[in-house]
Every structure is written in structure tokens, then in C-alpha cells.
């Protein structure tokens, strides 16, 4: 039985990823340089990526960025763009339905706690979450499964008793490694990236009815269990 839903934050609850990428692209353009999505994808949904846009821009432009006011203006531009975003479609309805069905609700985010809790409070969504795990709580963020494992442990449930909602390749891979059924809901940025290992892909959370999704996931688990039992019951071939 499904007992919990676990959400990513950036790009899934609130599209912070498009504004951040846009603000960096605009900064690159001011220096006569380009920033590709392929380069940026390394750090989407994770703190473990090796790409450093600040160092990359300095290298591409061939100049020092220290003290350049445009660096600080980029941060202001990012903040302004994020604050103009609304909660993504279907999120609050799904949270309300989870509460109605008496499901536990968790969050697993590679961002830091102040970022996640601050935005959830501002958006009026914080009270829905029973457990929030962020980069402050683990050694490794996504695509490592540690964040999801930490949420499962605190909720007191097994992987097969939860459904994860993710938007990025790194996040989906983390859920897959944790053994949790994962629904991928890519945003404007991550929809342009290859997303493997998702059990289901949706254009929007507004496209799903929670009761129908739970029934689908439980059928999925039952089928896997039946297939596993069938394999286990086969006699070994003669030597």
C-alpha cells in the first residue's frame, strides 16, 4: 500500500530553475559569451555537479569578474524572476488530496534548508510537509539516493510504500537508486533533457488524479512481486 508522497522542490513545486538559468544566460550574453543547457544540466537538481558558471564565464570571457557589479545584479535579477513565479499547476491540489487520504508527505531537496523552508513558508505550503530533508541533512545530494533514504527513514516507511515526484535527471536517478516509484514532471528547462529511469512521465501534476495514480502504482508493485515470485519458483535447469 502507498502511505506517502515525496516531493522535490526546485522545478517541481516552484520553477526556480528557469529563472536561475535565465539570469546566468543573460549575464553570459553581457560578456559576449554563451551558456548552453548541456553545460548547465550538470548542476540541475544537485549540489554535486562540477560545473562552476562563475569560473566558466571568467574563462570564456578572458577577464576577472572580481568586483564587477554585473555579478551582483545577476543575483538581484534571479531573485526578481523567482518571486514572480507561482506554485506549479497541480501541486497544491495534490498536497490537499494527500492530506484528505491521510498520506504522509515528505520533501527531498538538494538545496539548503533556508532556501526550501523560506519559499515554502512564503507560498503558504510549509504546513503540508511532515518531513523535509535538504542538503544540510546529508553527505551527498542527488543523484545519490541518500536524501530519499533519509526521508523514508524519518517517515518510517519502505521504498515501495512511497511515490516520488521529480523534474530533473539527477532527481529521477536518485529516486530510482532508492527503489521508489518515480513520477517525472519536467519543467521548461528539464523537459529538454533526457530523463531515464522514471516510472511515469507527466506534462503537469494537474494531469493526474491521486487516487488513480495510487491504484496504478499499487498494480505496478503487485505485478513486479508476481513476476519475482514466478522467477523464484522456477526449478534450476539440470547441470
C-alpha atoms as a PDB file:
ATOM      1  CA  UNK A   1       0.000   0.000   0.000  1.00  0.00           C
ATOM      2  CA  UNK A   2       1.089   3.567  -0.673  1.00  0.00           C
ATOM      3  CA  UNK A   3       1.494   5.536   2.551  1.00  0.00           C
ATOM      4  CA  UNK A   4       3.465   8.630   1.481  1.00  0.00           C
ATOM      5  CA  UNK A   5       4.242  11.110  -1.260  1.00  0.00           C
ATOM      6  CA  UNK A   6       7.719  12.646  -1.515  1.00  0.00           C
ATOM      7  CA  UNK A   7       8.310  15.842  -3.473  1.00  0.00           C
ATOM      8  CA  UNK A   8      11.345  17.521  -4.932  1.00  0.00           C
ATOM      9  CA  UNK A   9      11.259  21.307  -4.581  1.00  0.00           C
ATOM     10  CA  UNK A  10      13.155  23.248  -7.263  1.00  0.00           C
ATOM     11  CA  UNK A  11      11.467  22.862 -10.615  1.00  0.00           C
ATOM     12  CA  UNK A  12       8.706  20.648  -9.226  1.00  0.00           C
ATOM     13  CA  UNK A  13       6.868  22.756  -6.649  1.00  0.00           C
ATOM     14  CA  UNK A  14       8.247  26.097  -7.824  1.00  0.00           C
ATOM     15  CA  UNK A  15      10.096  26.696 -11.083  1.00  0.00           C
ATOM     16  CA  UNK A  16      13.253  28.259  -9.687  1.00  0.00           C
ATOM     17  CA  UNK A  17      15.406  26.503 -12.282  1.00  0.00           C
ATOM     18  CA  UNK A  18      14.296  28.510 -15.321  1.00  0.00           C
ATOM     19  CA  UNK A  19      14.889  31.919 -13.621  1.00  0.00           C
ATOM     20  CA  UNK A  20      18.324  30.897 -12.340  1.00  0.00           C
ATOM     21  CA  UNK A  21      19.420  29.595 -15.740  1.00  0.00           C
ATOM     22  CA  UNK A  22      17.931  32.643 -17.492  1.00  0.00           C
ATOM     23  CA  UNK A  23      19.769  35.088 -15.207  1.00  0.00           C
ATOM     24  CA  UNK A  24      23.091  33.346 -15.892  1.00  0.00           C
ATOM     25  CA  UNK A  25      22.433  33.224 -19.640  1.00  0.00           C
ATOM     26  CA  UNK A  26      21.756  36.962 -19.629  1.00  0.00           C
ATOM     27  CA  UNK A  27      24.985  37.591 -17.718  1.00  0.00           C
ATOM     28  CA  UNK A  28      26.989  35.490 -20.176  1.00  0.00           C
ATOM     29  CA  UNK A  29      25.480  37.482 -23.049  1.00  0.00           C
ATOM     30  CA  UNK A  30      26.582  40.750 -21.431  1.00  0.00           C
ATOM     31  CA  UNK A  31      30.152  39.437 -21.595  1.00  0.00           C
ATOM     32  CA  UNK A  32      29.726  38.300 -25.203  1.00  0.00           C
ATOM     33  CA  UNK A  33      29.637  34.615 -24.223  1.00  0.00           C
ATOM     34  CA  UNK A  34      27.165  31.752 -24.369  1.00  0.00           C
ATOM     35  CA  UNK A  35      25.932  29.309 -21.735  1.00  0.00           C
ATOM     36  CA  UNK A  36      24.424  26.083 -23.066  1.00  0.00           C
ATOM     37  CA  UNK A  37      21.823  23.923 -21.378  1.00  0.00           C
ATOM     38  CA  UNK A  38      24.145  20.944 -21.818  1.00  0.00           C
ATOM     39  CA  UNK A  39      26.721  22.668 -19.590  1.00  0.00           C
ATOM     40  CA  UNK A  40      24.115  23.809 -17.076  1.00  0.00           C
ATOM     41  CA  UNK A  41      22.475  20.360 -16.826  1.00  0.00           C
ATOM     42  CA  UNK A  42      25.424  19.139 -14.736  1.00  0.00           C
ATOM     43  CA  UNK A  43      24.200  21.123 -11.712  1.00  0.00           C
ATOM     44  CA  UNK A  44      20.425  20.809 -12.145  1.00  0.00           C
ATOM     45  CA  UNK A  45      18.874  19.195  -9.094  1.00  0.00           C
ATOM     46  CA  UNK A  46      22.167  18.570  -7.320  1.00  0.00           C
ATOM     47  CA  UNK A  47      24.974  20.106  -5.289  1.00  0.00           C
ATOM     48  CA  UNK A  48      27.401  17.500  -6.609  1.00  0.00           C
ATOM     49  CA  UNK A  49      27.888  18.859 -10.137  1.00  0.00           C
ATOM     50  CA  UNK A  50      31.326  20.053 -11.161  1.00  0.00           C
ATOM     51  CA  UNK A  51      30.221  22.928 -13.415  1.00  0.00           C
ATOM     52  CA  UNK A  52      31.004  26.384 -11.967  1.00  0.00           C
ATOM     53  CA  UNK A  53      29.329  29.125 -14.049  1.00  0.00           C
ATOM     54  CA  UNK A  54      31.364  31.875 -12.376  1.00  0.00           C
ATOM     55  CA  UNK A  55      34.684  30.228 -13.225  1.00  0.00           C
ATOM     56  CA  UNK A  56      33.406  29.208 -16.670  1.00  0.00           C
ATOM     57  CA  UNK A  57      32.373  32.775 -17.526  1.00  0.00           C
ATOM     58  CA  UNK A  58      35.727  34.140 -16.374  1.00  0.00           C
ATOM     59  CA  UNK A  59      37.497  31.597 -18.571  1.00  0.00           C
ATOM     60  CA  UNK A  60      35.302  32.196 -21.625  1.00  0.00           C
ATOM     61  CA  UNK A  61      35.426  35.991 -21.348  1.00  0.00           C
ATOM     62  CA  UNK A  62      39.131  36.073 -20.518  1.00  0.00           C
ATOM     63  CA  UNK A  63      38.672  38.644 -17.767  1.00  0.00           C
ATOM     64  CA  UNK A  64      38.426  38.817 -13.997  1.00  0.00           C
ATOM     65  CA  UNK A  65      34.906  39.074 -12.611  1.00  0.00           C
ATOM     66  CA  UNK A  66      36.006  40.217  -9.163  1.00  0.00           C
ATOM     67  CA  UNK A  67      34.227  43.423  -8.209  1.00  0.00           C
ATOM     68  CA  UNK A  68      32.156  43.560 -11.410  1.00  0.00           C
ATOM     69  CA  UNK A  69      28.722  44.952 -10.411  1.00  0.00           C
ATOM     70  CA  UNK A  70      27.022  42.807 -13.032  1.00  0.00           C
ATOM     71  CA  UNK A  71      27.674  39.761 -10.849  1.00  0.00           C
ATOM     72  CA  UNK A  72      25.577  41.219  -8.039  1.00  0.00           C
ATOM     73  CA  UNK A  73      22.942  42.457 -10.459  1.00  0.00           C
ATOM     74  CA  UNK A  74      22.554  38.903 -11.743  1.00  0.00           C
ATOM     75  CA  UNK A  75      21.599  37.751  -8.238  1.00  0.00           C
ATOM     76  CA  UNK A  76      19.012  40.524  -7.988  1.00  0.00           C
ATOM     77  CA  UNK A  77      17.655  39.542 -11.398  1.00  0.00           C
ATOM     78  CA  UNK A  78      17.418  35.887 -10.308  1.00  0.00           C
ATOM     79  CA  UNK A  79      15.539  36.810  -7.133  1.00  0.00           C
ATOM     80  CA  UNK A  80      13.114  39.025  -9.020  1.00  0.00           C
ATOM     81  CA  UNK A  81      12.364  36.320 -11.573  1.00  0.00           C
ATOM     82  CA  UNK A  82      11.813  33.663  -8.894  1.00  0.00           C
ATOM     83  CA  UNK A  83       9.480  35.861  -6.856  1.00  0.00           C
ATOM     84  CA  UNK A  84       7.329  36.353  -9.952  1.00  0.00           C
ATOM     85  CA  UNK A  85       6.761  32.580 -10.247  1.00  0.00           C
ATOM     86  CA  UNK A  86       3.637  30.857  -8.971  1.00  0.00           C
ATOM     87  CA  UNK A  87       3.320  27.383  -7.498  1.00  0.00           C
ATOM     88  CA  UNK A  88       3.352  24.978 -10.431  1.00  0.00           C
ATOM     89  CA  UNK A  89      -0.026  23.599 -11.617  1.00  0.00           C
ATOM     90  CA  UNK A  90      -1.488  20.705  -9.681  1.00  0.00           C
ATOM     91  CA  UNK A  91       0.927  20.885  -6.743  1.00  0.00           C
ATOM     92  CA  UNK A  92      -1.411  22.270  -4.103  1.00  0.00           C
ATOM     93  CA  UNK A  93      -4.313  20.081  -5.210  1.00  0.00           C
ATOM     94  CA  UNK A  94      -2.083  17.021  -4.890  1.00  0.00           C
ATOM     95  CA  UNK A  95      -0.996  18.104  -1.409  1.00  0.00           C
ATOM     96  CA  UNK A  96      -4.608  18.663  -0.372  1.00  0.00           C
ATOM     97  CA  UNK A  97      -5.633  15.262  -1.747  1.00  0.00           C
ATOM     98  CA  UNK A  98      -2.754  13.576   0.082  1.00  0.00           C
ATOM     99  CA  UNK A  99      -3.935  15.120   3.348  1.00  0.00           C
ATOM    100  CA  UNK A 100      -7.518  14.042   2.606  1.00  0.00           C
ATOM    101  CA  UNK A 101      -6.326  10.465   2.066  1.00  0.00           C
ATOM    102  CA  UNK A 102      -4.265  10.618   5.270  1.00  0.00           C
ATOM    103  CA  UNK A 103      -0.958  10.107   3.446  1.00  0.00           C
ATOM    104  CA  UNK A 104       2.347  11.253   4.867  1.00  0.00           C
ATOM    105  CA  UNK A 105       4.109  13.979   2.888  1.00  0.00           C
ATOM    106  CA  UNK A 106       7.851  14.438   2.609  1.00  0.00           C
ATOM    107  CA  UNK A 107      10.281  16.630   0.731  1.00  0.00           C
ATOM    108  CA  UNK A 108      13.760  15.762  -0.505  1.00  0.00           C
ATOM    109  CA  UNK A 109      15.688  18.712  -1.922  1.00  0.00           C
ATOM    110  CA  UNK A 110      19.315  19.183  -2.911  1.00  0.00           C
ATOM    111  CA  UNK A 111      19.012  22.867  -1.976  1.00  0.00           C
ATOM    112  CA  UNK A 112      19.741  24.117   1.538  1.00  0.00           C
ATOM    113  CA  UNK A 113      17.088  24.213   4.261  1.00  0.00           C
ATOM    114  CA  UNK A 114      16.753  28.002   4.456  1.00  0.00           C
ATOM    115  CA  UNK A 115      16.026  28.172   0.712  1.00  0.00           C
ATOM    116  CA  UNK A 116      13.403  25.419   0.766  1.00  0.00           C
ATOM    117  CA  UNK A 117      11.667  26.356   4.026  1.00  0.00           C
ATOM    118  CA  UNK A 118      11.765  30.045   3.158  1.00  0.00           C
ATOM    119  CA  UNK A 119       9.988  29.557  -0.151  1.00  0.00           C
ATOM    120  CA  UNK A 120       7.500  27.019   1.227  1.00  0.00           C
ATOM    121  CA  UNK A 121       6.597  29.465   4.004  1.00  0.00           C
ATOM    122  CA  UNK A 122       6.236  32.328   1.538  1.00  0.00           C
ATOM    123  CA  UNK A 123       3.994  30.217  -0.683  1.00  0.00           C
ATOM    124  CA  UNK A 124       1.839  29.006   2.226  1.00  0.00           C
ATOM    125  CA  UNK A 125       2.767  25.335   1.685  1.00  0.00           C
ATOM    126  CA  UNK A 126       5.066  24.555   4.614  1.00  0.00           C
ATOM    127  CA  UNK A 127       2.322  23.107   6.823  1.00  0.00           C
ATOM    128  CA  UNK A 128       1.678  20.252   4.408  1.00  0.00           C
ATOM    129  CA  UNK A 129       5.067  18.595   4.947  1.00  0.00           C
ATOM    130  CA  UNK A 130       5.711  16.083   7.713  1.00  0.00           C
ATOM    131  CA  UNK A 131       9.406  15.707   6.854  1.00  0.00           C
ATOM    132  CA  UNK A 132      11.799  17.962   4.953  1.00  0.00           C
ATOM    133  CA  UNK A 133      15.318  16.779   4.125  1.00  0.00           C
ATOM    134  CA  UNK A 134      17.778  19.059   2.356  1.00  0.00           C
ATOM    135  CA  UNK A 135      21.490  19.297   1.566  1.00  0.00           C
ATOM    136  CA  UNK A 136      22.005  20.287   5.224  1.00  0.00           C
ATOM    137  CA  UNK A 137      20.972  16.785   6.309  1.00  0.00           C
ATOM    138  CA  UNK A 138      23.098  14.512   4.103  1.00  0.00           C
ATOM    139  CA  UNK A 139      26.652  13.944   2.913  1.00  0.00           C
ATOM    140  CA  UNK A 140      25.689  13.644  -0.748  1.00  0.00           C
ATOM    141  CA  UNK A 141      22.775  15.143  -2.666  1.00  0.00           C
ATOM    142  CA  UNK A 142      21.074  13.788  -5.776  1.00  0.00           C
ATOM    143  CA  UNK A 143      21.736  11.706  -7.854  1.00  0.00           C
ATOM    144  CA  UNK A 144      22.857   9.893  -4.696  1.00  0.00           C
ATOM    145  CA  UNK A 145      19.813   8.263  -3.008  1.00  0.00           C
ATOM    146  CA  UNK A 146      20.749   9.495   0.492  1.00  0.00           C
ATOM    147  CA  UNK A 147      18.152  12.277   0.584  1.00  0.00           C
ATOM    148  CA  UNK A 148      15.324   9.902  -0.278  1.00  0.00           C
ATOM    149  CA  UNK A 149      16.593   7.276   2.126  1.00  0.00           C
ATOM    150  CA  UNK A 150      16.643   9.903   4.897  1.00  0.00           C
ATOM    151  CA  UNK A 151      13.026  10.874   4.189  1.00  0.00           C
ATOM    152  CA  UNK A 152      11.903   7.225   4.148  1.00  0.00           C
ATOM    153  CA  UNK A 153      13.649   6.576   7.448  1.00  0.00           C
ATOM    154  CA  UNK A 154      12.067   9.531   9.226  1.00  0.00           C
ATOM    155  CA  UNK A 155       8.623   8.750   7.814  1.00  0.00           C
ATOM    156  CA  UNK A 156       9.038   5.143   8.924  1.00  0.00           C
ATOM    157  CA  UNK A 157       8.125   3.589   5.583  1.00  0.00           C
ATOM    158  CA  UNK A 158       9.668   1.279   2.970  1.00  0.00           C
ATOM    159  CA  UNK A 159      10.554   2.381  -0.591  1.00  0.00           C
ATOM    160  CA  UNK A 160       7.599   0.520  -2.096  1.00  0.00           C
ATOM    161  CA  UNK A 161       5.205   2.462   0.144  1.00  0.00           C
ATOM    162  CA  UNK A 162       6.036   5.867  -1.386  1.00  0.00           C
ATOM    163  CA  UNK A 163       5.697   7.788  -4.629  1.00  0.00           C
ATOM    164  CA  UNK A 164       8.289  10.393  -5.620  1.00  0.00           C
ATOM    165  CA  UNK A 165       7.653  13.435  -7.815  1.00  0.00           C
ATOM    166  CA  UNK A 166      10.721  14.781  -9.624  1.00  0.00           C
ATOM    167  CA  UNK A 167      11.592  17.038 -12.536  1.00  0.00           C
ATOM    168  CA  UNK A 168      15.328  16.596 -13.238  1.00  0.00           C
ATOM    169  CA  UNK A 169      17.518  13.728 -14.473  1.00  0.00           C
ATOM    170  CA  UNK A 170      19.586  13.845 -11.258  1.00  0.00           C
ATOM    171  CA  UNK A 171      16.471  13.697  -9.102  1.00  0.00           C
ATOM    172  CA  UNK A 172      14.875  10.847 -11.032  1.00  0.00           C
ATOM    173  CA  UNK A 173      18.108   8.869 -10.810  1.00  0.00           C
ATOM    174  CA  UNK A 174      18.214   9.413  -7.033  1.00  0.00           C
ATOM    175  CA  UNK A 175      14.669   8.081  -6.646  1.00  0.00           C
ATOM    176  CA  UNK A 176      15.483   5.097  -8.872  1.00  0.00           C
ATOM    177  CA  UNK A 177      18.550   4.280  -6.775  1.00  0.00           C
ATOM    178  CA  UNK A 178      16.433   4.496  -3.621  1.00  0.00           C
ATOM    179  CA  UNK A 179      13.976   1.995  -5.110  1.00  0.00           C
ATOM    180  CA  UNK A 180      10.985   4.350  -5.081  1.00  0.00           C
ATOM    181  CA  UNK A 181       8.357   4.639  -7.828  1.00  0.00           C
ATOM    182  CA  UNK A 182       9.094   7.943  -9.555  1.00  0.00           C
ATOM    183  CA  UNK A 183       6.792  10.260 -11.480  1.00  0.00           C
ATOM    184  CA  UNK A 184       8.784  12.684 -13.640  1.00  0.00           C
ATOM    185  CA  UNK A 185       7.210  16.084 -14.299  1.00  0.00           C
ATOM    186  CA  UNK A 186       9.811  18.064 -16.278  1.00  0.00           C
ATOM    187  CA  UNK A 187       9.617  21.859 -16.415  1.00  0.00           C
ATOM    188  CA  UNK A 188      10.561  24.238 -19.232  1.00  0.00           C
ATOM    189  CA  UNK A 189      14.270  23.568 -18.692  1.00  0.00           C
ATOM    190  CA  UNK A 190      14.381  19.891 -17.757  1.00  0.00           C
ATOM    191  CA  UNK A 191      11.927  18.878 -20.482  1.00  0.00           C
ATOM    192  CA  UNK A 192      14.783  19.483 -22.921  1.00  0.00           C
ATOM    193  CA  UNK A 193      16.982  16.887 -21.179  1.00  0.00           C
ATOM    194  CA  UNK A 194      16.893  13.097 -21.429  1.00  0.00           C
ATOM    195  CA  UNK A 195      15.201  11.663 -18.341  1.00  0.00           C
ATOM    196  CA  UNK A 196      15.754   7.961 -17.790  1.00  0.00           C
ATOM    197  CA  UNK A 197      14.558   5.606 -15.040  1.00  0.00           C
ATOM    198  CA  UNK A 198      11.236   7.391 -14.421  1.00  0.00           C
ATOM    199  CA  UNK A 199       8.296   5.011 -13.987  1.00  0.00           C
ATOM    200  CA  UNK A 200       5.825   7.575 -15.315  1.00  0.00           C
ATOM    201  CA  UNK A 201       6.215  10.907 -17.094  1.00  0.00           C
ATOM    202  CA  UNK A 202       3.623  13.711 -16.995  1.00  0.00           C
ATOM    203  CA  UNK A 203       3.481  17.160 -18.523  1.00  0.00           C
ATOM    204  CA  UNK A 204       1.917  18.586 -15.364  1.00  0.00           C
ATOM    205  CA  UNK A 205       0.815  17.454 -11.917  1.00  0.00           C
ATOM    206  CA  UNK A 206      -2.577  18.866 -12.878  1.00  0.00           C
ATOM    207  CA  UNK A 207      -2.886  15.900 -15.266  1.00  0.00           C
ATOM    208  CA  UNK A 208      -3.055  13.297 -12.513  1.00  0.00           C
ATOM    209  CA  UNK A 209      -5.789  12.263 -10.061  1.00  0.00           C
ATOM    210  CA  UNK A 210      -4.131  10.986  -6.910  1.00  0.00           C
ATOM    211  CA  UNK A 211      -6.455   8.014  -6.349  1.00  0.00           C
ATOM    212  CA  UNK A 212      -5.862   6.853  -9.933  1.00  0.00           C
ATOM    213  CA  UNK A 213      -2.102   7.249  -9.575  1.00  0.00           C
ATOM    214  CA  UNK A 214      -2.016   5.263  -6.329  1.00  0.00           C
ATOM    215  CA  UNK A 215      -4.023   2.454  -7.934  1.00  0.00           C
ATOM    216  CA  UNK A 216      -1.627   2.424 -10.898  1.00  0.00           C
ATOM    217  CA  UNK A 217       1.435   2.276  -8.652  1.00  0.00           C
ATOM    218  CA  UNK A 218      -0.012  -0.488  -6.496  1.00  0.00           C
ATOM    219  CA  UNK A 219      -0.792  -2.547  -9.625  1.00  0.00           C
ATOM    220  CA  UNK A 220       2.802  -1.950 -10.758  1.00  0.00           C
ATOM    221  CA  UNK A 221       4.190  -3.259  -7.469  1.00  0.00           C
ATOM    222  CA  UNK A 222       1.826  -6.244  -7.439  1.00  0.00           C
ATOM    223  CA  UNK A 223       2.877  -7.198 -10.963  1.00  0.00           C
ATOM    224  CA  UNK A 224       6.574  -6.962 -10.064  1.00  0.00           C
ATOM    225  CA  UNK A 225       6.006  -9.095  -6.990  1.00  0.00           C
ATOM    226  CA  UNK A 226       4.138 -11.712  -9.051  1.00  0.00           C
ATOM    227  CA  UNK A 227       6.911 -11.785 -11.640  1.00  0.00           C
ATOM    228  CA  UNK A 228       9.514 -12.095  -8.896  1.00  0.00           C
ATOM    229  CA  UNK A 229       7.674 -14.980  -7.264  1.00  0.00           C
ATOM    230  CA  UNK A 230       7.340 -16.721 -10.618  1.00  0.00           C
ATOM    231  CA  UNK A 231      11.064 -16.459 -11.242  1.00  0.00           C
ATOM    232  CA  UNK A 232      11.841 -17.637  -7.734  1.00  0.00           C
ATOM    233  CA  UNK A 233       9.593 -20.699  -8.082  1.00  0.00           C
ATOM    234  CA  UNK A 234      11.254 -21.989 -11.246  1.00  0.00           C
ATOM    235  CA  UNK A 235      13.340 -25.085 -10.787  1.00  0.00           C
ATOM    236  CA  UNK A 236      17.006 -24.840 -11.612  1.00  0.00           C
ATOM    237  CA  UNK A 237      17.986 -26.264 -15.005  1.00  0.00           C
ATOM    238  CA  UNK A 238      19.856 -29.591 -14.945  1.00  0.00           C
ATOM    239  CA  UNK A 239      23.645 -29.319 -14.776  1.00  0.00           C
END
